[in-house]
């Protein structure tokens, strides 16, 4: 028996074989004539099915609570920034007088007020600056008399332009203008004005 070899894989073929029993390739006709065969290529894979269209998902939306928190934080930051700018651009005056108490320790003119206090007047100013104040002195149980001087016993303040002698009429009111010069250093508190 004449045998041949498979032209594709080299396996021995029996005479008259049409297919290689080893690789399965066609090697000839039933009469034994060799047949042309296609290259031993693997069968093509089927193409994958097309991907169905899906719209892009929208970006996640911020919750209302988160947005409110962000807005509140922004408002707080702006408020603090405005306060800081106001502090540096418009600093508080270094002289802060909550009240000016006017006393007459020797009961000048028989004023007879509680603790001899006549009037109080608060103001803010700058160090070393002068400010003219007007004091109203109502006539409480006073007879006509004259105030001959005024002084301050608060450290650093000085008085000038005091209208003395100042006569308080027995049947009306009077006023007293005094220029007060603040101390050169900062001050916070009250000031006492003493009449004599």
Protein backbone atom coordinates (compact mmCIF):
# COMPACT_ATOMS: atom_id res chain seq x y z
CA UNK A 1 0.00 0.00 0.00
CA UNK A 2 1.44 3.28 -1.06
CA UNK A 3 1.26 6.01 1.51
CA UNK A 4 1.92 9.69 1.37
CA UNK A 5 2.19 12.49 3.85
CA UNK A 6 -0.23 15.34 4.57
CA UNK A 7 1.08 18.50 2.89
CA UNK A 8 -0.29 20.55 5.79
CA UNK A 9 0.89 18.76 8.90
CA UNK A 10 3.18 16.03 7.59
CA UNK A 11 1.18 13.15 9.05
CA UNK A 12 1.21 9.88 7.05
CA UNK A 13 -1.78 9.40 4.80
CA UNK A 14 -3.14 6.08 3.51
CA UNK A 15 -3.39 5.73 -0.25
CA UNK A 16 -6.46 7.37 -1.71
CA UNK A 17 -7.25 9.39 1.41
CA UNK A 18 -9.19 12.60 0.78
CA UNK A 19 -8.79 14.05 4.29
CA UNK A 20 -5.96 13.99 6.75
CA UNK A 21 -7.03 11.96 9.73
CA UNK A 22 -4.66 14.02 11.90
CA UNK A 23 -5.43 17.63 11.01
CA UNK A 24 -8.62 17.19 9.00
CA UNK A 25 -7.36 19.09 5.94
CA UNK A 26 -8.47 18.12 2.46
CA UNK A 27 -5.55 16.42 0.75
CA UNK A 28 -6.96 15.00 -2.47
CA UNK A 29 -9.87 13.64 -4.45
CA UNK A 30 -11.36 10.16 -4.24
CA UNK A 31 -9.11 9.19 -7.17
CA UNK A 32 -6.04 10.12 -5.25
CA UNK A 33 -5.26 13.36 -7.13
CA UNK A 34 -4.10 16.12 -4.85
CA UNK A 35 -6.56 18.93 -4.35
CA UNK A 36 -5.81 22.56 -3.66
CA UNK A 37 -6.82 23.62 -0.21
CA UNK A 38 -7.25 26.91 1.50
CA UNK A 39 -4.76 28.00 4.11
CA UNK A 40 -5.28 26.45 7.49
CA UNK A 41 -6.80 29.65 9.02
CA UNK A 42 -9.19 29.58 11.95
CA UNK A 43 -12.77 30.44 11.13
CA UNK A 44 -13.61 34.07 11.75
CA UNK A 45 -15.34 34.93 15.01
CA UNK A 46 -18.76 36.52 14.71
CA UNK A 47 -18.83 40.29 15.24
CA UNK A 48 -20.13 41.37 18.68
CA UNK A 49 -23.64 42.78 18.69
CA UNK A 50 -23.81 46.59 18.66
CA UNK A 51 -23.98 48.28 22.03
CA UNK A 52 -27.42 49.77 22.60
CA UNK A 53 -27.45 53.59 22.96
CA UNK A 54 -27.72 54.77 26.52
CA UNK A 55 -27.92 58.49 27.35
CA UNK A 56 -25.24 59.81 29.70
CA UNK A 57 -26.40 60.02 33.29
CA UNK A 58 -26.80 63.59 34.53
CA UNK A 59 -24.28 64.84 37.12
CA UNK A 60 -25.39 64.38 40.72
CA UNK A 61 -27.37 67.32 42.00
CA UNK A 62 -26.38 68.99 45.24
CA UNK A 63 -28.89 68.60 47.93
CA UNK A 64 -30.73 71.70 49.14
CA UNK A 65 -29.31 71.30 52.66
CA UNK A 66 -25.74 71.33 51.38
CA UNK A 67 -26.41 74.45 49.33
CA UNK A 68 -27.90 76.20 52.38
CA UNK A 69 -24.82 75.34 54.46
CA UNK A 70 -22.51 76.72 51.77
CA UNK A 71 -24.52 79.96 51.57
CA UNK A 72 -24.45 80.38 55.37
CA UNK A 73 -20.68 79.84 55.46
CA UNK A 74 -20.16 82.41 52.71
CA UNK A 75 -22.32 84.96 54.59
CA UNK A 76 -20.37 84.38 57.82
CA UNK A 77 -17.03 84.79 56.08
CA UNK A 78 -18.18 88.03 54.42
CA UNK A 79 -19.51 89.36 57.74
CA UNK A 80 -16.21 88.65 59.53
CA UNK A 81 -14.27 90.25 56.67
CA UNK A 82 -16.43 93.39 56.85
CA UNK A 83 -15.97 93.63 60.63
CA UNK A 84 -12.21 93.24 60.28
CA UNK A 85 -12.06 95.91 57.57
CA UNK A 86 -14.18 98.28 59.67
CA UNK A 87 -11.94 97.71 62.70
CA UNK A 88 -8.79 98.61 60.79
CA UNK A 89 -10.27 101.42 58.71
CA UNK A 90 -12.36 102.98 61.49
CA UNK A 91 -10.75 102.10 64.82
CA UNK A 92 -12.66 102.83 68.02
CA UNK A 93 -11.71 106.12 69.66
CA UNK A 94 -9.09 105.64 72.40
CA UNK A 95 -10.93 107.98 74.78
CA UNK A 96 -14.17 106.43 75.96
CA UNK A 97 -15.91 108.37 78.70
CA UNK A 98 -19.09 106.68 79.83
CA UNK A 99 -20.19 109.61 82.02
CA UNK A 100 -19.03 112.95 83.36
CA UNK A 101 -20.26 113.47 86.90
CA UNK A 102 -20.49 117.04 88.14
CA UNK A 103 -20.07 117.35 91.91
CA UNK A 104 -20.37 120.21 94.35
CA UNK A 105 -18.76 118.80 97.49
CA UNK A 106 -19.38 121.99 99.51
CA UNK A 107 -23.00 122.13 98.29
CA UNK A 108 -22.37 125.18 96.12
CA UNK A 109 -25.48 127.33 95.80
CA UNK A 110 -27.46 124.91 97.93
CA UNK A 111 -28.11 122.60 95.00
CA UNK A 112 -28.86 119.74 97.37
CA UNK A 113 -28.87 116.99 94.70
CA UNK A 114 -28.31 113.32 95.52
CA UNK A 115 -24.58 112.94 96.13
CA UNK A 116 -24.36 116.57 94.95
CA UNK A 117 -24.27 115.31 91.33
CA UNK A 118 -25.55 117.90 88.87
CA UNK A 119 -25.29 116.35 85.45
CA UNK A 120 -23.55 113.62 83.50
CA UNK A 121 -22.56 113.50 79.87
CA UNK A 122 -20.70 110.71 78.08
CA UNK A 123 -18.55 111.12 74.99
CA UNK A 124 -15.82 109.45 72.95
CA UNK A 125 -12.82 111.27 71.61
CA UNK A 126 -9.22 111.01 70.51
CA UNK A 127 -6.12 111.22 72.65
CA UNK A 128 -4.96 114.79 73.21
CA UNK A 129 -8.03 116.24 71.44
CA UNK A 130 -10.15 119.06 72.89
CA UNK A 131 -13.93 119.04 72.93
CA UNK A 132 -16.29 121.71 74.22
CA UNK A 133 -19.23 120.43 76.21
CA UNK A 134 -22.32 122.24 77.43
CA UNK A 135 -23.68 121.38 80.86
CA UNK A 136 -27.21 122.24 81.81
CA UNK A 137 -27.53 123.05 85.48
CA UNK A 138 -31.18 123.07 86.54
CA UNK A 139 -32.11 125.07 89.59
CA UNK A 140 -32.88 122.54 92.27
CA UNK A 141 -33.67 124.37 95.52
CA UNK A 142 -30.93 126.85 94.72
CA UNK A 143 -30.80 130.49 95.54
CA UNK A 144 -28.98 132.95 93.33
CA UNK A 145 -25.29 132.18 93.63
CA UNK A 146 -22.06 132.21 91.68
CA UNK A 147 -19.76 129.30 90.81
CA UNK A 148 -16.24 130.63 90.81
CA UNK A 149 -14.26 127.64 89.54
CA UNK A 150 -14.27 124.15 88.10
CA UNK A 151 -11.68 121.38 88.09
CA UNK A 152 -11.44 117.71 87.16
CA UNK A 153 -10.06 115.06 89.43
CA UNK A 154 -9.83 112.44 86.61
CA UNK A 155 -6.20 111.80 85.69
CA UNK A 156 -4.97 113.28 82.42
CA UNK A 157 -7.92 115.56 81.62
CA UNK A 158 -7.56 119.32 81.62
CA UNK A 159 -10.26 122.04 81.57
CA UNK A 160 -10.24 125.37 79.82
CA UNK A 161 -12.67 128.08 78.68
CA UNK A 162 -14.72 127.63 81.84
CA UNK A 163 -17.30 130.40 82.02
CA UNK A 164 -16.66 131.56 85.58
CA UNK A 165 -17.86 133.25 87.52
CA UNK A 166 -21.10 131.60 86.50
CA UNK A 167 -24.22 132.90 88.15
CA UNK A 168 -27.13 130.53 88.74
CA UNK A 169 -30.34 132.56 89.01
CA UNK A 170 -32.72 131.65 91.77
CA UNK A 171 -35.68 131.26 89.44
CA UNK A 172 -34.34 129.60 86.29
CA UNK A 173 -31.71 127.45 84.67
CA UNK A 174 -28.20 128.09 83.52
CA UNK A 175 -25.62 126.37 81.31
CA UNK A 176 -21.86 126.05 81.55
CA UNK A 177 -19.52 125.51 78.61
CA UNK A 178 -16.22 123.79 79.34
CA UNK A 179 -13.52 122.70 76.90
CA UNK A 180 -12.12 119.35 78.00
CA UNK A 181 -8.79 118.19 76.62
CA UNK A 182 -8.36 114.42 76.74
CA UNK A 183 -5.17 112.79 78.04
CA UNK A 184 -2.49 111.76 75.59
CA UNK A 185 -2.96 108.08 76.40
CA UNK A 186 -6.07 105.98 75.99
CA UNK A 187 -8.71 106.15 78.67
CA UNK A 188 -11.91 104.25 79.41
CA UNK A 189 -14.19 105.07 82.30
CA UNK A 190 -15.96 108.06 83.83
CA UNK A 191 -14.73 111.55 84.63
CA UNK A 192 -15.54 113.75 87.63
CA UNK A 193 -16.03 117.50 87.32
CA UNK A 194 -15.85 119.37 90.62
CA UNK A 195 -17.44 122.81 91.12
CA UNK A 196 -16.33 125.25 93.82
